Amino acid sequence: MRSYENSRNRSCSKNKTHINYDKSYAIAYITLREEKLIEYKNISYEPLKNYYDKYMRDRDLADEDIKRIINIEQS
């Protein structure tokens, strides 16, 4: 039983670390992108601008938002 629990705890810990990394990455990406593009008019990508505005307003992003931001960045 203990080895199963230890294995499960390690797996959860790895997933949590991965999610935290993704969240940090997504926030850094939209923040840098929007702040860098602020001097250029009409260049911002609307979905990313919306996530940036949401993050600035709420100081948080949902897991689904993070996944979408990363998918946009990788496409």
Protein backbone atom coordinates (compact mmCIF):
# COMPACT_ATOMS: atom_id res chain seq x y z
CA MET A 1 0.00 0.00 0.00
CA ARG A 2 2.78 2.44 0.85
CA SER A 3 4.54 2.06 -2.50
CA TYR A 4 1.26 2.81 -4.29
CA GLU A 5 0.75 5.94 -2.18
CA ASN A 6 4.33 7.07 -2.73
CA SER A 7 4.01 6.50 -6.46
CA ARG A 8 0.72 8.40 -6.52
CA ASN A 9 2.16 11.29 -4.50
CA ARG A 10 5.15 11.56 -6.83
CA SER A 11 2.84 11.56 -9.84
CA CYS A 12 0.63 14.28 -8.35
CA SER A 13 3.69 16.29 -7.40
CA LYS A 14 5.05 16.08 -10.98
CA ASN A 15 1.69 17.12 -12.43
CA LYS A 16 1.41 20.05 -10.02
CA THR A 17 4.93 21.19 -10.90
CA HIS A 18 4.11 20.91 -14.61
CA ILE A 19 0.92 22.93 -14.15
CA ASN A 20 2.76 25.61 -12.17
CA TYR A 21 5.42 25.82 -14.90
CA ASP A 22 2.74 26.10 -17.60
CA LYS A 23 0.97 28.83 -15.66
CA SER A 24 4.19 30.80 -15.16
CA TYR A 25 5.06 30.35 -18.82
CA ALA A 26 1.62 31.45 -20.04
CA ILE A 27 1.57 34.51 -17.80
CA ALA A 28 5.07 35.52 -18.83
CA TYR A 29 4.21 35.01 -22.50
CA ILE A 30 1.06 37.16 -22.53
CA THR A 31 2.57 39.82 -20.28
CA LEU A 32 5.74 40.23 -22.31
CA ARG A 33 3.85 40.05 -25.59
CA GLU A 34 1.28 42.68 -24.65
CA GLU A 35 3.75 45.02 -22.98
CA LYS A 36 6.14 44.77 -25.91
CA LEU A 37 3.37 45.42 -28.44
CA ILE A 38 1.84 48.35 -26.54
CA GLU A 39 3.84 50.81 -28.63
CA TYR A 40 2.45 49.33 -31.85
CA LYS A 41 -1.19 49.99 -32.60
CA ASN A 42 -3.47 47.27 -34.01
CA ILE A 43 -0.91 44.47 -33.77
CA SER A 44 -2.22 42.75 -30.67
CA TYR A 45 -3.88 39.37 -31.15
CA GLU A 46 -7.37 39.71 -29.66
CA PRO A 47 -7.61 36.35 -27.81
CA LEU A 48 -4.24 36.91 -26.14
CA LYS A 49 -5.17 40.51 -25.33
CA ASN A 50 -8.33 39.22 -23.63
CA TYR A 51 -6.31 36.75 -21.53
CA TYR A 52 -3.87 39.53 -20.64
CA ASP A 53 -6.71 41.83 -19.59
CA LYS A 54 -8.27 39.02 -17.55
CA TYR A 55 -4.96 38.32 -15.83
CA MET A 56 -4.39 42.00 -15.06
CA ARG A 57 -7.92 42.30 -13.65
CA ASP A 58 -8.09 39.04 -11.67
CA ARG A 59 -4.38 38.32 -11.12
CA ASP A 60 -5.09 34.72 -12.05
CA LEU A 61 -5.90 32.51 -15.02
CA ALA A 62 -7.96 29.33 -15.17
CA ASP A 63 -6.30 26.08 -16.22
CA GLU A 64 -8.23 26.15 -19.51
CA ASP A 65 -6.96 29.68 -20.22
CA ILE A 66 -3.40 28.51 -19.65
CA LYS A 67 -3.83 25.57 -22.03
CA ARG A 68 -5.25 27.85 -24.73
CA ILE A 69 -2.46 30.40 -24.36
CA ILE A 70 0.18 27.69 -24.69
CA ASN A 71 -1.62 26.20 -27.71
CA ILE A 72 -1.74 29.63 -29.38
CA GLU A 73 1.95 30.22 -28.68
CA GLN A 74 2.94 26.82 -30.05
CA SER A 75 0.88 27.09 -33.24
